[in-house]
Amino acid sequence: MRTLLDRIEFSLNKLRPYLKREGGDIQIDHYDKATGILYVEMLGACKGCAFATSDITDSVEVLLMQEIPQITAVKLINAIDDGFRSLQQQLLHPKTIQKQKEGEKQKA
């Protein structure tokens, strides 16, 4: 009989080829049995990537929660901070930057 961590690794191995294609990987940090939360760390090019948090919630968490009922959530231990995420969102959305510039002109 496989252990819980073996089952998690088996599921993560389904995602690893996609992460490795981008130069990254994922590893288990720890599992909190009391809460059912699995903590993972992104490695390589995925570590610190602005999209790592959404990759966790949109794919890793969905797959693991579907395949392993004991898992209630998956959390990233090396997520980028919200200030950087906000900056990144602004850079990805030029209209946000334009609105900020217009607001600064109105204040002046």
N, C-alpha and C. Protein backbone atom coordinates (compact mmCIF):
# COMPACT_ATOMS: atom_id res chain seq x y z
N MET A 1 0.84 -1.19 0.00
CA MET A 1 0.00 0.00 0.00
C MET A 1 0.89 1.25 0.00
N ARG A 2 0.58 2.18 -0.87
CA ARG A 2 1.37 3.40 -0.98
C ARG A 2 1.00 4.39 0.12
N THR A 3 2.00 5.12 0.59
CA THR A 3 1.77 6.15 1.60
C THR A 3 1.13 7.38 0.94
N LEU A 4 0.64 8.28 1.76
CA LEU A 4 0.05 9.51 1.24
C LEU A 4 1.08 10.29 0.42
N LEU A 5 2.29 10.41 0.93
CA LEU A 5 3.32 11.16 0.20
C LEU A 5 3.67 10.48 -1.12
N ASP A 6 3.64 9.16 -1.16
CA ASP A 6 3.87 8.45 -2.42
C ASP A 6 2.76 8.77 -3.43
N ARG A 7 1.53 8.83 -2.95
CA ARG A 7 0.41 9.16 -3.83
C ARG A 7 0.51 10.60 -4.33
N ILE A 8 0.95 11.50 -3.47
CA ILE A 8 1.13 12.89 -3.88
C ILE A 8 2.21 12.98 -4.95
N GLU A 9 3.34 12.32 -4.71
CA GLU A 9 4.43 12.33 -5.70
C GLU A 9 3.96 11.75 -7.04
N PHE A 10 3.18 10.68 -6.98
CA PHE A 10 2.64 10.07 -8.19
C PHE A 10 1.82 11.09 -8.98
N SER A 11 0.98 11.85 -8.28
CA SER A 11 0.17 12.87 -8.94
C SER A 11 1.02 14.03 -9.46
N LEU A 12 2.00 14.46 -8.66
CA LEU A 12 2.87 15.55 -9.11
C LEU A 12 3.67 15.15 -10.34
N ASN A 13 4.00 13.87 -10.46
CA ASN A 13 4.74 13.40 -11.63
C ASN A 13 3.96 13.58 -12.92
N LYS A 14 2.67 13.69 -12.83
CA LYS A 14 1.84 13.96 -14.01
C LYS A 14 2.04 15.39 -14.51
N LEU A 15 2.37 16.29 -13.58
CA LEU A 15 2.55 17.71 -13.93
C LEU A 15 3.99 18.07 -14.24
N ARG A 16 4.90 17.31 -13.73
CA ARG A 16 6.32 17.66 -13.85
C ARG A 16 6.81 17.85 -15.29
N PRO A 17 6.40 17.05 -16.24
CA PRO A 17 6.89 17.28 -17.61
C PRO A 17 6.58 18.69 -18.12
N TYR A 18 5.44 19.23 -17.73
CA TYR A 18 5.07 20.58 -18.16
C TYR A 18 5.92 21.64 -17.47
N LEU A 19 6.17 21.43 -16.19
CA LEU A 19 7.02 22.35 -15.44
C LEU A 19 8.46 22.30 -15.95
N LYS A 20 8.95 21.10 -16.19
CA LYS A 20 10.33 20.93 -16.64
C LYS A 20 10.54 21.50 -18.04
N ARG A 21 9.49 21.48 -18.85
CA ARG A 21 9.59 22.07 -20.19
C ARG A 21 9.87 23.56 -20.09
N GLU A 22 9.41 24.17 -19.00
CA GLU A 22 9.63 25.60 -18.77
C GLU A 22 10.86 25.86 -17.90
N GLY A 23 11.59 24.80 -17.56
CA GLY A 23 12.80 24.96 -16.75
C GLY A 23 12.56 24.92 -15.25
N GLY A 24 11.40 24.41 -14.84
CA GLY A 24 11.07 24.40 -13.42
C GLY A 24 10.74 23.01 -12.91
N ASP A 25 10.32 22.97 -11.68
CA ASP A 25 9.91 21.73 -11.04
C ASP A 25 9.15 22.09 -9.77
N ILE A 26 8.64 21.08 -9.09
CA ILE A 26 7.90 21.27 -7.85
C ILE A 26 8.31 20.19 -6.87
N GLN A 27 8.36 20.55 -5.60
CA GLN A 27 8.66 19.53 -4.58
C GLN A 27 7.79 19.77 -3.36
N ILE A 28 7.53 18.69 -2.65
CA ILE A 28 6.75 18.76 -1.43
C ILE A 28 7.61 19.36 -0.33
N ASP A 29 7.08 20.34 0.38
CA ASP A 29 7.75 20.86 1.56
C ASP A 29 7.25 20.08 2.78
N HIS A 30 5.94 20.13 3.01
CA HIS A 30 5.36 19.33 4.08
C HIS A 30 3.84 19.26 3.93
N TYR A 31 3.26 18.32 4.61
CA TYR A 31 1.82 18.12 4.62
C TYR A 31 1.33 18.28 6.05
N ASP A 32 0.35 19.13 6.24
CA ASP A 32 -0.24 19.34 7.56
C ASP A 32 -1.47 18.44 7.68
N LYS A 33 -1.30 17.36 8.39
CA LYS A 33 -2.37 16.37 8.52
C LYS A 33 -3.61 16.95 9.21
N ALA A 34 -3.41 17.87 10.14
CA ALA A 34 -4.54 18.46 10.88
C ALA A 34 -5.44 19.30 9.99
N THR A 35 -4.87 20.01 9.04
CA THR A 35 -5.66 20.89 8.16
C THR A 35 -5.87 20.30 6.77
N GLY A 36 -5.05 19.33 6.39
CA GLY A 36 -5.13 18.76 5.04
C GLY A 36 -4.43 19.61 4.00
N ILE A 37 -3.65 20.59 4.45
CA ILE A 37 -2.97 21.49 3.51
C ILE A 37 -1.59 20.93 3.15
N LEU A 38 -1.33 20.87 1.85
CA LEU A 38 -0.03 20.45 1.34
C LEU A 38 0.75 21.70 0.99
N TYR A 39 1.96 21.81 1.51
CA TYR A 39 2.83 22.94 1.21
C TYR A 39 3.88 22.48 0.22
N VAL A 40 4.02 23.22 -0.87
CA VAL A 40 4.97 22.86 -1.93
C VAL A 40 5.90 24.03 -2.21
N GLU A 41 6.99 23.69 -2.84
CA GLU A 41 7.96 24.71 -3.25
C GLU A 41 8.20 24.56 -4.75
N MET A 42 8.22 25.68 -5.43
CA MET A 42 8.54 25.67 -6.85
C MET A 42 10.06 25.79 -6.97
N LEU A 43 10.60 25.14 -7.97
CA LEU A 43 12.05 25.11 -8.17
C LEU A 43 12.40 25.61 -9.57
N GLY A 44 13.68 25.92 -9.74
CA GLY A 44 14.17 26.33 -11.06
C GLY A 44 13.51 27.61 -11.52
N ALA A 45 13.16 27.64 -12.80
CA ALA A 45 12.56 28.84 -13.38
C ALA A 45 11.20 29.16 -12.77
N CYS A 46 10.56 28.18 -12.16
CA CYS A 46 9.24 28.40 -11.54
C CYS A 46 9.35 29.11 -10.19
N LYS A 47 10.51 29.02 -9.55
CA LYS A 47 10.68 29.65 -8.24
C LYS A 47 10.68 31.16 -8.41
N GLY A 48 9.75 31.81 -7.74
CA GLY A 48 9.65 33.26 -7.83
C GLY A 48 8.91 33.75 -9.05
N CYS A 49 8.46 32.84 -9.90
CA CYS A 49 7.72 33.23 -11.09
C CYS A 49 6.41 33.90 -10.68
N ALA A 50 6.06 34.94 -11.37
CA ALA A 50 4.84 35.67 -11.05
C ALA A 50 3.58 34.83 -11.24
N PHE A 51 3.67 33.80 -12.03
CA PHE A 51 2.51 32.96 -12.30
C PHE A 51 2.47 31.70 -11.44
N ALA A 52 3.45 31.51 -10.59
CA ALA A 52 3.53 30.28 -9.79
C ALA A 52 2.31 30.10 -8.90
N THR A 53 1.86 31.15 -8.26
CA THR A 53 0.71 31.04 -7.37
C THR A 53 -0.53 30.60 -8.13
N SER A 54 -0.77 31.20 -9.29
CA SER A 54 -1.94 30.79 -10.07
C SER A 54 -1.76 29.38 -10.65
N ASP A 55 -0.54 29.00 -10.98
CA ASP A 55 -0.30 27.63 -11.43
C ASP A 55 -0.66 26.64 -10.33
N ILE A 56 -0.34 26.98 -9.09
CA ILE A 56 -0.65 26.10 -7.97
C ILE A 56 -2.17 25.97 -7.83
N THR A 57 -2.88 27.08 -7.78
CA THR A 57 -4.33 27.00 -7.56
C THR A 57 -5.08 26.49 -8.78
N ASP A 58 -4.60 26.79 -9.98
CA ASP A 58 -5.33 26.41 -11.18
C ASP A 58 -5.05 25.00 -11.67
N SER A 59 -3.92 24.43 -11.29
CA SER A 59 -3.61 23.10 -11.80
C SER A 59 -3.20 22.12 -10.71
N VAL A 60 -2.17 22.45 -9.95
CA VAL A 60 -1.65 21.53 -8.95
C VAL A 60 -2.72 21.22 -7.90
N GLU A 61 -3.33 22.26 -7.35
CA GLU A 61 -4.33 22.06 -6.32
C GLU A 61 -5.54 21.29 -6.86
N VAL A 62 -5.99 21.65 -8.04
CA VAL A 62 -7.14 20.97 -8.64
C VAL A 62 -6.86 19.48 -8.81
N LEU A 63 -5.72 19.15 -9.38
CA LEU A 63 -5.37 17.74 -9.61
C LEU A 63 -5.25 16.98 -8.30
N LEU A 64 -4.50 17.54 -7.35
CA LEU A 64 -4.27 16.83 -6.09
C LEU A 64 -5.55 16.66 -5.27
N MET A 65 -6.37 17.68 -5.22
CA MET A 65 -7.62 17.56 -4.47
C MET A 65 -8.56 16.56 -5.13
N GLN A 66 -8.49 16.46 -6.42
CA GLN A 66 -9.32 15.51 -7.16
C GLN A 66 -8.85 14.07 -6.93
N GLU A 67 -7.55 13.87 -6.88
CA GLU A 67 -7.00 12.52 -6.79
C GLU A 67 -6.78 12.05 -5.35
N ILE A 68 -6.62 13.00 -4.42
CA ILE A 68 -6.30 12.63 -3.04
C ILE A 68 -7.24 13.40 -2.10
N PRO A 69 -8.30 12.74 -1.65
CA PRO A 69 -9.32 13.41 -0.84
C PRO A 69 -8.82 14.04 0.46
N GLN A 70 -7.70 13.56 1.00
CA GLN A 70 -7.18 14.12 2.25
C GLN A 70 -6.66 15.54 2.08
N ILE A 71 -6.35 15.93 0.86
CA ILE A 71 -5.80 17.27 0.61
C ILE A 71 -6.94 18.26 0.47
N THR A 72 -6.91 19.28 1.31
CA THR A 72 -7.95 20.32 1.29
C THR A 72 -7.49 21.58 0.56
N ALA A 73 -6.18 21.77 0.44
CA ALA A 73 -5.62 22.93 -0.24
C ALA A 73 -4.14 22.68 -0.51
N VAL A 74 -3.60 23.43 -1.46
CA VAL A 74 -2.17 23.38 -1.75
C VAL A 74 -1.67 24.81 -1.66
N LYS A 75 -0.64 25.02 -0.87
CA LYS A 75 -0.08 26.35 -0.67
C LYS A 75 1.37 26.39 -1.11
N LEU A 76 1.75 27.48 -1.70
CA LEU A 76 3.11 27.71 -2.17
C LEU A 76 3.91 28.37 -1.06
N ILE A 77 5.06 27.79 -0.70
CA ILE A 77 5.84 28.36 0.40
C ILE A 77 6.76 29.48 -0.03
N ASN A 78 7.04 29.60 -1.31
CA ASN A 78 7.95 30.65 -1.76
C ASN A 78 7.27 31.59 -2.76
N ALA A 79 6.04 31.97 -2.43
CA ALA A 79 5.27 32.85 -3.30
C ALA A 79 5.88 34.26 -3.30
N ILE A 80 5.72 34.94 -4.40
CA ILE A 80 6.19 36.33 -4.47
C ILE A 80 5.25 37.20 -3.65
N ASP A 81 5.76 38.31 -3.17
CA ASP A 81 4.92 39.14 -2.32
C ASP A 81 3.89 39.93 -3.13
N ASP A 82 2.86 40.42 -2.44
CA ASP A 82 1.75 41.09 -3.10
C ASP A 82 2.17 42.39 -3.77
N GLY A 83 3.18 43.08 -3.23
CA GLY A 83 3.64 44.31 -3.86
C GLY A 83 4.19 44.05 -5.25
N PHE A 84 4.97 42.99 -5.38
CA PHE A 84 5.50 42.65 -6.69
C PHE A 84 4.38 42.20 -7.62
N ARG A 85 3.42 41.44 -7.10
CA ARG A 85 2.30 40.96 -7.91
C ARG A 85 1.52 42.15 -8.45
N SER A 86 1.31 43.16 -7.59
CA SER A 86 0.59 44.34 -8.01
C SER A 86 1.34 45.06 -9.14
N LEU A 87 2.64 45.19 -8.98
CA LEU A 87 3.46 45.81 -10.02
C LEU A 87 3.37 45.01 -11.31
N GLN A 88 3.44 43.71 -11.19
CA GLN A 88 3.38 42.86 -12.38
C GLN A 88 2.03 43.03 -13.08
N GLN A 89 0.94 43.07 -12.31
CA GLN A 89 -0.37 43.24 -12.90
C GLN A 89 -0.46 44.57 -13.64
N GLN A 90 0.15 45.60 -13.07
CA GLN A 90 0.14 46.89 -13.73
C GLN A 90 0.91 46.83 -15.05
N LEU A 91 2.02 46.15 -15.04
CA LEU A 91 2.82 46.04 -16.25
C LEU A 91 2.12 45.21 -17.33
N LEU A 92 1.36 44.24 -16.89
CA LEU A 92 0.63 43.41 -17.84
C LEU A 92 -0.62 44.11 -18.38
N HIS A 93 -1.07 45.13 -17.67
CA HIS A 93 -2.28 45.84 -18.07
C HIS A 93 -1.96 47.31 -18.25
N PRO A 94 -1.53 47.71 -19.45
CA PRO A 94 -1.14 49.11 -19.70
C PRO A 94 -2.22 50.12 -19.35
N LYS A 95 -3.49 49.74 -19.45
CA LYS A 95 -4.56 50.68 -19.12
C LYS A 95 -4.49 51.09 -17.65
N THR A 96 -4.05 50.21 -16.79
CA THR A 96 -3.90 50.52 -15.37
C THR A 96 -2.87 51.62 -15.19
N ILE A 97 -1.77 51.51 -15.91
CA ILE A 97 -0.71 52.52 -15.83
C ILE A 97 -1.25 53.85 -16.34
N GLN A 98 -1.99 53.81 -17.45
CA GLN A 98 -2.55 55.04 -18.02
C GLN A 98 -3.50 55.71 -17.04
N LYS A 99 -4.34 54.93 -16.36
CA LYS A 99 -5.27 55.49 -15.38
C LYS A 99 -4.51 56.14 -14.22
N GLN A 100 -3.41 55.52 -13.79
CA GLN A 100 -2.62 56.09 -12.70
C GLN A 100 -2.01 57.42 -13.13
N LYS A 101 -1.52 57.48 -14.36
CA LYS A 101 -0.93 58.73 -14.85
C LYS A 101 -1.99 59.83 -14.92
N GLU A 102 -3.18 59.48 -15.37
CA GLU A 102 -4.27 60.46 -15.44
C GLU A 102 -4.65 60.97 -14.04
N GLY A 103 -4.66 60.06 -13.06
CA GLY A 103 -4.95 60.43 -11.69
C GLY A 103 -3.91 61.37 -11.12
N GLU A 104 -2.63 61.12 -11.46
CA GLU A 104 -1.55 61.99 -10.98
C GLU A 104 -1.66 63.37 -11.60
N LYS A 105 -2.06 63.47 -12.87
CA LYS A 105 -2.22 64.77 -13.52
C LYS A 105 -3.35 65.58 -12.89
N GLN A 106 -4.42 64.89 -12.50
CA GLN A 106 -5.56 65.57 -11.88
C GLN A 106 -5.20 66.11 -10.51
N LYS A 107 -4.32 65.42 -9.78
CA LYS A 107 -3.90 65.87 -8.45
C LYS A 107 -2.98 67.07 -8.53
N ALA A 108 -2.24 67.20 -9.63
CA ALA A 108 -1.25 68.27 -9.77
C ALA A 108 -1.86 69.60 -10.12
